[in-house]
Amino acid sequence: MSAYRRVLWALALSLCACAGPGSRGPSVSKEEVRLLAARLDPTVPDPAEASAVVSALGRSGRAEAVEPLLSLWETLLARKFRLQSLPPGLEALRGDLAEALGRLGDIKAVPALRRGLIDDDQRLAALSAEALAALGDAASTPYLVRLAEGGDPGAARTAREALGALG
């Protein structure tokens, strides 16, 4: 592993370790966010590395982290449509993206997360519902109602919880 990659991993892991669940984490610089975002290769993401970077960006609390996460979201969605499916590691990465986007609290993520609600991956649908609730997006209520009435019990339960959180 190169020295640059070791420093990057240390930064990503320290950001993940410093913040507990639901917290926005430590204050990090725009440069640190830029360095982390540069590691997200949307053409051929390494799921393990990308997951650590996505988690760190989600915990950064920086608005600058939203665009690289949305870019990776769109790339993976397009890839899934083109190939009809994704390898399990990349499917899991889409869930990590939903969590990170919800944690950042930026409404720019709402359209992507709403699309996540209708995905055939029920884990992603559930994580998207949680993220929309975390964003406080009451306008997503009709989408969440549809998921709550859907066939997957786990995703439906999560959608009902999100609806409860939204009031």
Foldseek 3Di string as FASTA:
>chain_A
DDPLVVVLLVLLVVQLVQDDPLALGDADDPVNLVSLLVQQDLVDGDLVSLLSSLSSLLSNLDPSNLVSLVVSLVSLVVVCVVVVHDPPSVVVSLLSSLQSLLSSLDCVCLVSLLVQLPDPPLSSNLSSLVSCLSNLPPVCLVSLVVQLPDDDPVSVVSSVVSNVSND
